[in-house]
Every structure is written in structure tokens, then in C-alpha cells.
Amino acid sequence: MSDDWNDYADGWDGNSDVRLYADRAFAALDGSAGITGGGWQDKRVLDFGCGTGLLSEKLAPHVREVVAADTSERMIAVLQEKALPKVRALCTDILDGGAREAAGMLGGFDMICASSVCSFLPDYRGAAEVLAGLLNNGGVFVQWDWLAADAGGSGLTEPQVREALRAAGLEAVRVERVFEMESGGQAMPVLMGSGTRAAE
């Protein structure tokens, strides 16, 4: 597998497993946060590590704005070609303070989503802390990642997610297995972790 996400961009949306993962992630999010229930029309959402925007596409009709950010130029180019209403696509590293300042308006989010992103980050705990700081008071951080069999495996364990979100200062932290994907005849569980930024 290539380390460069640009190499996957052109065929990303055509991958049925990628689309199914996005569908199931959104269904789990809607079940926990009631996105389609009508209470999110004035909310801003950050889709962190958005790829080609499959999750952004599902969120946008129900919120005021989705800021979709990724470091892959090609993934963002594919997203921009979709011209999705209420989606602002940015090719930037949100975790870089200088990049955040240059992009402007990268804060004040009511929700931050990270779909199959956090386990690939070199400093997951540090990233969770930065992202939590971009939330409004009462804002929610939500992530989905493959469940690792152990702390050294591919993906993340439930304790790793719980500890990282708590260390980021989030409250009401929940970590649960929300769906499974099939690969080579094996079930691959997916974790959803969430937490809320406390009102100051």
C-alpha cells in the first residue's frame, strides 16, 4: 500500500467498501447525534482528513457549513470537482498552527469528525488535543477507526481512544464498536469514539 494518499484519490469514490464505510459511519453518527433530526442547520462541522468528502457529502444537507480538510492535494481536487453546496474544501494540515492561521476561520466548530484518520496520525493524542481546542463549548468530537487487536496492532484499541479523548479535556467520552466491515472473509470491527468540550 502506498504511503501517498494522492495515489488513491482517483479511484477512491468507486471503491464500494469505502462508500459502505462512509454510509455506516454516518448512520452511527446520526444515531448518536441526530444529525438528520433538524437541530443542526446552524452548526459548523469540520471533516478532518476528509479524503474525497464522502462523509462531508452526507453531512452538508443538514448543517450550515462543512469545512472539509485534508493534506492530500488530489483528494481535495476530487472533492472540489463535486462542487458540493455548503462544503468548503481545504488542502491544509489542520494540526499545523501556522496552516490554521493562514487558512483562517479554523475554529468555532460545533462538531469535528475524523473518519478512519486518527490511527494513521504520528501523534494521535496530540492531534486529539489540538482538535478539541477547535470546538465551541459543548461541541462534539467524533472519530471512527479500525479496532486493533492490541496496542501495537493496526488501528486503535478502546483504551487508547478513551485515554486520548480524556487527555484532550473532552467529557462524556464514549467508545464503542459500531459496525464491522468484511475483508478476505474476516470481520473487521470499527470503533466510534466521541467526547464533548466542556462549557467554560
C-alpha atoms as a PDB file:
ATOM      1  CA  MET A   1       0.000   0.000   0.000  1.00  0.00           C
ATOM      2  CA  SER A   2       1.323   3.411  -0.948  1.00  0.00           C
ATOM      3  CA  ASP A   3       2.063   5.970   1.756  1.00  0.00           C
ATOM      4  CA  ASP A   4       0.863   8.754  -0.532  1.00  0.00           C
ATOM      5  CA  TRP A   5      -2.908   9.268  -0.345  1.00  0.00           C
ATOM      6  CA  ASN A   6      -2.775  11.136  -3.678  1.00  0.00           C
ATOM      7  CA  ASP A   7      -2.241   7.722  -5.313  1.00  0.00           C
ATOM      8  CA  TYR A   8      -5.709   6.560  -4.197  1.00  0.00           C
ATOM      9  CA  ALA A   9      -7.745   9.667  -4.966  1.00  0.00           C
ATOM     10  CA  ASP A  10      -8.959   8.929  -8.491  1.00  0.00           C
ATOM     11  CA  GLY A  11     -10.463   5.533  -7.654  1.00  0.00           C
ATOM     12  CA  TRP A  12     -11.499   6.307  -4.077  1.00  0.00           C
ATOM     13  CA  ASP A  13     -15.186   7.041  -4.672  1.00  0.00           C
ATOM     14  CA  GLY A  14     -15.515   3.998  -6.918  1.00  0.00           C
ATOM     15  CA  ASN A  15     -14.496   1.635  -4.106  1.00  0.00           C
ATOM     16  CA  SER A  16     -17.681   0.052  -2.739  1.00  0.00           C
ATOM     17  CA  ASP A  17     -16.056  -0.691   0.648  1.00  0.00           C
ATOM     18  CA  VAL A  18     -15.020   2.958   1.046  1.00  0.00           C
ATOM     19  CA  ARG A  19     -18.564   4.097   0.289  1.00  0.00           C
ATOM     20  CA  LEU A  20     -20.080   1.500   2.636  1.00  0.00           C
ATOM     21  CA  TYR A  21     -17.734   2.619   5.456  1.00  0.00           C
ATOM     22  CA  ALA A  22     -18.894   6.244   4.955  1.00  0.00           C
ATOM     23  CA  ASP A  23     -22.555   5.154   4.907  1.00  0.00           C
ATOM     24  CA  ARG A  24     -22.185   3.188   8.126  1.00  0.00           C
ATOM     25  CA  ALA A  25     -20.163   5.911   9.855  1.00  0.00           C
ATOM     26  CA  PHE A  26     -22.830   8.493   9.035  1.00  0.00           C
ATOM     27  CA  ALA A  27     -25.605   6.151  10.201  1.00  0.00           C
ATOM     28  CA  ALA A  28     -23.785   5.677  13.529  1.00  0.00           C
ATOM     29  CA  LEU A  29     -23.298   9.443  13.848  1.00  0.00           C
ATOM     30  CA  ASP A  30     -26.936  10.157  13.064  1.00  0.00           C
ATOM     31  CA  GLY A  31     -27.990   7.570  15.622  1.00  0.00           C
ATOM     32  CA  SER A  32     -25.933   9.222  18.363  1.00  0.00           C
ATOM     33  CA  ALA A  33     -26.195  12.928  17.454  1.00  0.00           C
ATOM     34  CA  GLY A  34     -29.457  13.150  15.493  1.00  0.00           C
ATOM     35  CA  ILE A  35     -27.898  14.922  12.501  1.00  0.00           C
ATOM     36  CA  THR A  36     -30.935  14.402  10.261  1.00  0.00           C
ATOM     37  CA  GLY A  37     -33.399  15.356  13.009  1.00  0.00           C
ATOM     38  CA  GLY A  38     -33.351  19.070  12.239  1.00  0.00           C
ATOM     39  CA  GLY A  39     -31.300  20.552  15.061  1.00  0.00           C
ATOM     40  CA  TRP A  40     -28.049  21.049  13.172  1.00  0.00           C
ATOM     41  CA  GLN A  41     -28.968  23.636  10.491  1.00  0.00           C
ATOM     42  CA  ASP A  42     -26.996  26.441  12.150  1.00  0.00           C
ATOM     43  CA  LYS A  43     -23.952  24.303  13.076  1.00  0.00           C
ATOM     44  CA  ARG A  44     -20.422  24.271  11.645  1.00  0.00           C
ATOM     45  CA  VAL A  45     -18.657  20.955  11.170  1.00  0.00           C
ATOM     46  CA  LEU A  46     -15.014  20.111  10.437  1.00  0.00           C
ATOM     47  CA  ASP A  47     -14.456  16.908   8.464  1.00  0.00           C
ATOM     48  CA  PHE A  48     -10.819  16.296   9.429  1.00  0.00           C
ATOM     49  CA  GLY A  49      -8.929  14.122   6.955  1.00  0.00           C
ATOM     50  CA  CYS A  50     -11.949  14.284   4.660  1.00  0.00           C
ATOM     51  CA  GLY A  51     -10.441  12.481   1.669  1.00  0.00           C
ATOM     52  CA  THR A  52     -12.804  12.934  -1.272  1.00  0.00           C
ATOM     53  CA  GLY A  53     -15.581  14.155   1.006  1.00  0.00           C
ATOM     54  CA  LEU A  54     -17.891  11.145   1.201  1.00  0.00           C
ATOM     55  CA  LEU A  55     -18.799  11.995   4.803  1.00  0.00           C
ATOM     56  CA  SER A  56     -18.958  15.742   4.073  1.00  0.00           C
ATOM     57  CA  GLU A  57     -21.444  14.968   1.304  1.00  0.00           C
ATOM     58  CA  LYS A  58     -23.765  13.286   3.824  1.00  0.00           C
ATOM     59  CA  LEU A  59     -23.363  15.993   6.492  1.00  0.00           C
ATOM     60  CA  ALA A  60     -23.756  19.092   4.307  1.00  0.00           C
ATOM     61  CA  PRO A  61     -27.534  18.990   3.727  1.00  0.00           C
ATOM     62  CA  HIS A  62     -28.138  19.045   7.487  1.00  0.00           C
ATOM     63  CA  VAL A  63     -25.690  21.750   8.702  1.00  0.00           C
ATOM     64  CA  ARG A  64     -24.747  25.377   7.972  1.00  0.00           C
ATOM     65  CA  GLU A  65     -21.218  24.617   6.755  1.00  0.00           C
ATOM     66  CA  VAL A  66     -18.765  21.751   6.461  1.00  0.00           C
ATOM     67  CA  VAL A  67     -15.088  22.634   6.370  1.00  0.00           C
ATOM     68  CA  ALA A  68     -13.530  19.606   4.680  1.00  0.00           C
ATOM     69  CA  ALA A  69      -9.773  19.484   5.218  1.00  0.00           C
ATOM     70  CA  ASP A  70      -7.141  17.032   4.046  1.00  0.00           C
ATOM     71  CA  THR A  71      -3.407  17.126   3.340  1.00  0.00           C
ATOM     72  CA  SER A  72      -3.804  15.217   0.045  1.00  0.00           C
ATOM     73  CA  GLU A  73      -3.979  17.671  -2.862  1.00  0.00           C
ATOM     74  CA  ARG A  74      -5.511  15.096  -5.177  1.00  0.00           C
ATOM     75  CA  MET A  75      -8.213  14.029  -2.690  1.00  0.00           C
ATOM     76  CA  ILE A  76      -9.190  17.683  -2.241  1.00  0.00           C
ATOM     77  CA  ALA A  77      -9.184  18.202  -6.031  1.00  0.00           C
ATOM     78  CA  VAL A  78     -11.664  15.324  -6.413  1.00  0.00           C
ATOM     79  CA  LEU A  79     -13.832  16.856  -3.675  1.00  0.00           C
ATOM     80  CA  GLN A  80     -13.724  20.314  -5.276  1.00  0.00           C
ATOM     81  CA  GLU A  81     -14.854  18.840  -8.590  1.00  0.00           C
ATOM     82  CA  LYS A  82     -18.082  17.758  -6.854  1.00  0.00           C
ATOM     83  CA  ALA A  83     -18.945  21.419  -6.088  1.00  0.00           C
ATOM     84  CA  LEU A  84     -20.964  20.406  -3.038  1.00  0.00           C
ATOM     85  CA  PRO A  85     -23.176  23.135  -1.565  1.00  0.00           C
ATOM     86  CA  LYS A  86     -22.130  24.276   1.928  1.00  0.00           C
ATOM     87  CA  VAL A  87     -18.798  22.412   1.749  1.00  0.00           C
ATOM     88  CA  ARG A  88     -15.561  24.415   1.887  1.00  0.00           C
ATOM     89  CA  ALA A  89     -12.674  22.189   0.805  1.00  0.00           C
ATOM     90  CA  LEU A  90      -9.199  22.991   2.111  1.00  0.00           C
ATOM     91  CA  CYS A  91      -5.908  21.311   1.334  1.00  0.00           C
ATOM     92  CA  THR A  92      -4.113  22.035   4.591  1.00  0.00           C
ATOM     93  CA  ASP A  93      -2.648  20.443   7.689  1.00  0.00           C
ATOM     94  CA  ILE A  94      -5.126  21.431  10.398  1.00  0.00           C
ATOM     95  CA  LEU A  95      -2.680  20.257  13.053  1.00  0.00           C
ATOM     96  CA  ASP A  96      -0.101  22.830  11.968  1.00  0.00           C
ATOM     97  CA  GLY A  97      -0.728  26.080  13.846  1.00  0.00           C
ATOM     98  CA  GLY A  98       0.688  28.212  11.023  1.00  0.00           C
ATOM     99  CA  ALA A  99      -1.506  26.479   8.456  1.00  0.00           C
ATOM    100  CA  ARG A 100      -4.581  27.043  10.634  1.00  0.00           C
ATOM    101  CA  GLU A 101      -3.836  30.768  10.835  1.00  0.00           C
ATOM    102  CA  ALA A 102      -3.190  31.014   7.090  1.00  0.00           C
ATOM    103  CA  ALA A 103      -6.465  29.263   6.245  1.00  0.00           C
ATOM    104  CA  GLY A 104      -8.453  31.427   8.664  1.00  0.00           C
ATOM    105  CA  MET A 105     -11.762  30.547  10.336  1.00  0.00           C
ATOM    106  CA  LEU A 106     -10.410  27.200  11.521  1.00  0.00           C
ATOM    107  CA  GLY A 107     -12.094  27.150  14.874  1.00  0.00           C
ATOM    108  CA  GLY A 108     -15.526  27.551  16.367  1.00  0.00           C
ATOM    109  CA  PHE A 109     -16.779  24.148  15.286  1.00  0.00           C
ATOM    110  CA  ASP A 110     -19.851  22.500  16.755  1.00  0.00           C
ATOM    111  CA  MET A 111     -18.611  19.105  15.630  1.00  0.00           C
ATOM    112  CA  ILE A 112     -15.364  17.661  14.349  1.00  0.00           C
ATOM    113  CA  CYS A 113     -15.445  14.307  12.562  1.00  0.00           C
ATOM    114  CA  ALA A 114     -12.431  12.135  11.777  1.00  0.00           C
ATOM    115  CA  SER A 115     -13.325   9.058   9.747  1.00  0.00           C
ATOM    116  CA  SER A 116     -10.574   6.432   9.570  1.00  0.00           C
ATOM    117  CA  VAL A 117      -7.896   9.072  10.176  1.00  0.00           C
ATOM    118  CA  CYS A 118      -6.651   9.022  13.774  1.00  0.00           C
ATOM    119  CA  SER A 119      -4.877   5.658  13.679  1.00  0.00           C
ATOM    120  CA  PHE A 120      -2.712   6.958  10.823  1.00  0.00           C
ATOM    121  CA  LEU A 121      -1.535  10.046  12.737  1.00  0.00           C
ATOM    122  CA  PRO A 122       2.012  10.028  14.148  1.00  0.00           C
ATOM    123  CA  ASP A 123       0.805  11.717  17.357  1.00  0.00           C
ATOM    124  CA  TYR A 124      -2.831  10.775  17.866  1.00  0.00           C
ATOM    125  CA  ARG A 125      -3.035  12.083  21.436  1.00  0.00           C
ATOM    126  CA  GLY A 126      -1.515  15.429  20.459  1.00  0.00           C
ATOM    127  CA  ALA A 127      -3.859  15.682  17.470  1.00  0.00           C
ATOM    128  CA  ALA A 128      -6.915  14.996  19.649  1.00  0.00           C
ATOM    129  CA  GLU A 129      -5.838  17.837  21.932  1.00  0.00           C
ATOM    130  CA  VAL A 130      -5.433  20.291  19.026  1.00  0.00           C
ATOM    131  CA  LEU A 131      -8.784  19.305  17.523  1.00  0.00           C
ATOM    132  CA  ALA A 132     -10.597  19.558  20.860  1.00  0.00           C
ATOM    133  CA  GLY A 133      -9.317  23.128  21.068  1.00  0.00           C
ATOM    134  CA  LEU A 134     -11.097  23.987  17.796  1.00  0.00           C
ATOM    135  CA  LEU A 135     -14.505  23.065  19.207  1.00  0.00           C
ATOM    136  CA  ASN A 136     -17.041  25.513  20.582  1.00  0.00           C
ATOM    137  CA  ASN A 137     -18.061  24.954  24.184  1.00  0.00           C
ATOM    138  CA  GLY A 138     -20.396  21.970  24.087  1.00  0.00           C
ATOM    139  CA  GLY A 139     -19.001  20.927  20.690  1.00  0.00           C
ATOM    140  CA  VAL A 140     -18.511  17.250  19.916  1.00  0.00           C
ATOM    141  CA  PHE A 141     -15.503  15.358  18.570  1.00  0.00           C
ATOM    142  CA  VAL A 142     -16.293  12.058  16.818  1.00  0.00           C
ATOM    143  CA  GLN A 143     -13.890   9.557  15.283  1.00  0.00           C
ATOM    144  CA  TRP A 144     -14.118   6.171  13.598  1.00  0.00           C
ATOM    145  CA  ASP A 145     -11.133   3.822  13.382  1.00  0.00           C
ATOM    146  CA  TRP A 146     -10.413   0.149  12.926  1.00  0.00           C
ATOM    147  CA  LEU A 147     -10.331  -1.772  16.194  1.00  0.00           C
ATOM    148  CA  ALA A 148      -6.792  -3.025  16.869  1.00  0.00           C
ATOM    149  CA  ALA A 149      -6.318  -6.423  18.461  1.00  0.00           C
ATOM    150  CA  ASP A 150      -3.664  -4.898  20.737  1.00  0.00           C
ATOM    151  CA  ALA A 151      -1.875  -1.579  21.288  1.00  0.00           C
ATOM    152  CA  GLY A 152       0.822  -2.444  18.730  1.00  0.00           C
ATOM    153  CA  GLY A 153      -1.583  -3.555  16.017  1.00  0.00           C
ATOM    154  CA  SER A 154      -3.060  -1.724  13.078  1.00  0.00           C
ATOM    155  CA  GLY A 155      -5.855   0.596  14.206  1.00  0.00           C
ATOM    156  CA  LEU A 156      -6.638   1.700  17.760  1.00  0.00           C
ATOM    157  CA  THR A 157      -7.792  -0.067  20.909  1.00  0.00           C
ATOM    158  CA  GLU A 158     -10.743   1.073  23.010  1.00  0.00           C
ATOM    159  CA  PRO A 159      -8.450   2.150  25.902  1.00  0.00           C
ATOM    160  CA  GLN A 160      -6.222   4.151  23.500  1.00  0.00           C
ATOM    161  CA  VAL A 161      -9.206   6.116  22.214  1.00  0.00           C
ATOM    162  CA  ARG A 162     -10.724   6.637  25.658  1.00  0.00           C
ATOM    163  CA  GLU A 163      -7.422   7.853  27.145  1.00  0.00           C
ATOM    164  CA  ALA A 164      -6.654  10.186  24.213  1.00  0.00           C
ATOM    165  CA  LEU A 165     -10.066  11.858  24.311  1.00  0.00           C
ATOM    166  CA  ARG A 166      -9.964  12.291  28.073  1.00  0.00           C
ATOM    167  CA  ALA A 167      -6.394  13.655  27.880  1.00  0.00           C
ATOM    168  CA  ALA A 168      -7.685  16.183  25.314  1.00  0.00           C
ATOM    169  CA  GLY A 169     -10.037  17.513  28.010  1.00  0.00           C
ATOM    170  CA  LEU A 170     -13.206  16.093  26.490  1.00  0.00           C
ATOM    171  CA  GLU A 171     -16.075  14.995  28.700  1.00  0.00           C
ATOM    172  CA  ALA A 172     -18.834  12.392  28.351  1.00  0.00           C
ATOM    173  CA  VAL A 173     -16.330  10.219  26.450  1.00  0.00           C
ATOM    174  CA  ARG A 174     -17.855   7.172  24.778  1.00  0.00           C
ATOM    175  CA  VAL A 175     -16.051   4.451  22.843  1.00  0.00           C
ATOM    176  CA  GLU A 176     -17.976   1.609  21.232  1.00  0.00           C
ATOM    177  CA  ARG A 177     -17.907  -0.817  18.351  1.00  0.00           C
ATOM    178  CA  VAL A 178     -20.490   0.463  15.903  1.00  0.00           C
ATOM    179  CA  PHE A 179     -20.164  -1.703  12.803  1.00  0.00           C
ATOM    180  CA  GLU A 180     -18.000  -4.280  11.039  1.00  0.00           C
ATOM    181  CA  MET A 181     -16.580  -4.490   7.562  1.00  0.00           C
ATOM    182  CA  GLU A 182     -15.681  -7.724   5.777  1.00  0.00           C
ATOM    183  CA  SER A 183     -12.225  -8.213   4.275  1.00  0.00           C
ATOM    184  CA  GLY A 184     -10.946 -11.520   2.953  1.00  0.00           C
ATOM    185  CA  GLY A 185     -13.636 -13.392   4.846  1.00  0.00           C
ATOM    186  CA  GLN A 186     -12.704 -11.711   8.123  1.00  0.00           C
ATOM    187  CA  ALA A 187     -14.817  -9.315  10.160  1.00  0.00           C
ATOM    188  CA  MET A 188     -13.039  -6.034  10.877  1.00  0.00           C
ATOM    189  CA  PRO A 189     -14.727  -4.112  13.720  1.00  0.00           C
ATOM    190  CA  VAL A 190     -14.852  -0.306  13.669  1.00  0.00           C
ATOM    191  CA  LEU A 191     -14.759   1.827  16.820  1.00  0.00           C
ATOM    192  CA  MET A 192     -16.554   5.119  17.245  1.00  0.00           C
ATOM    193  CA  GLY A 193     -15.128   7.394  19.898  1.00  0.00           C
ATOM    194  CA  SER A 194     -16.739  10.665  20.959  1.00  0.00           C
ATOM    195  CA  GLY A 195     -16.423  13.360  23.560  1.00  0.00           C
ATOM    196  CA  THR A 196     -17.755  16.831  24.317  1.00  0.00           C
ATOM    197  CA  ARG A 197     -15.848  20.012  25.018  1.00  0.00           C
ATOM    198  CA  ALA A 198     -16.941  21.281  28.415  1.00  0.00           C
ATOM    199  CA  ALA A 199     -18.635  24.636  28.695  1.00  0.00           C
ATOM    200  CA  GLU A 200     -16.219  27.137  30.243  1.00  0.00           C
END
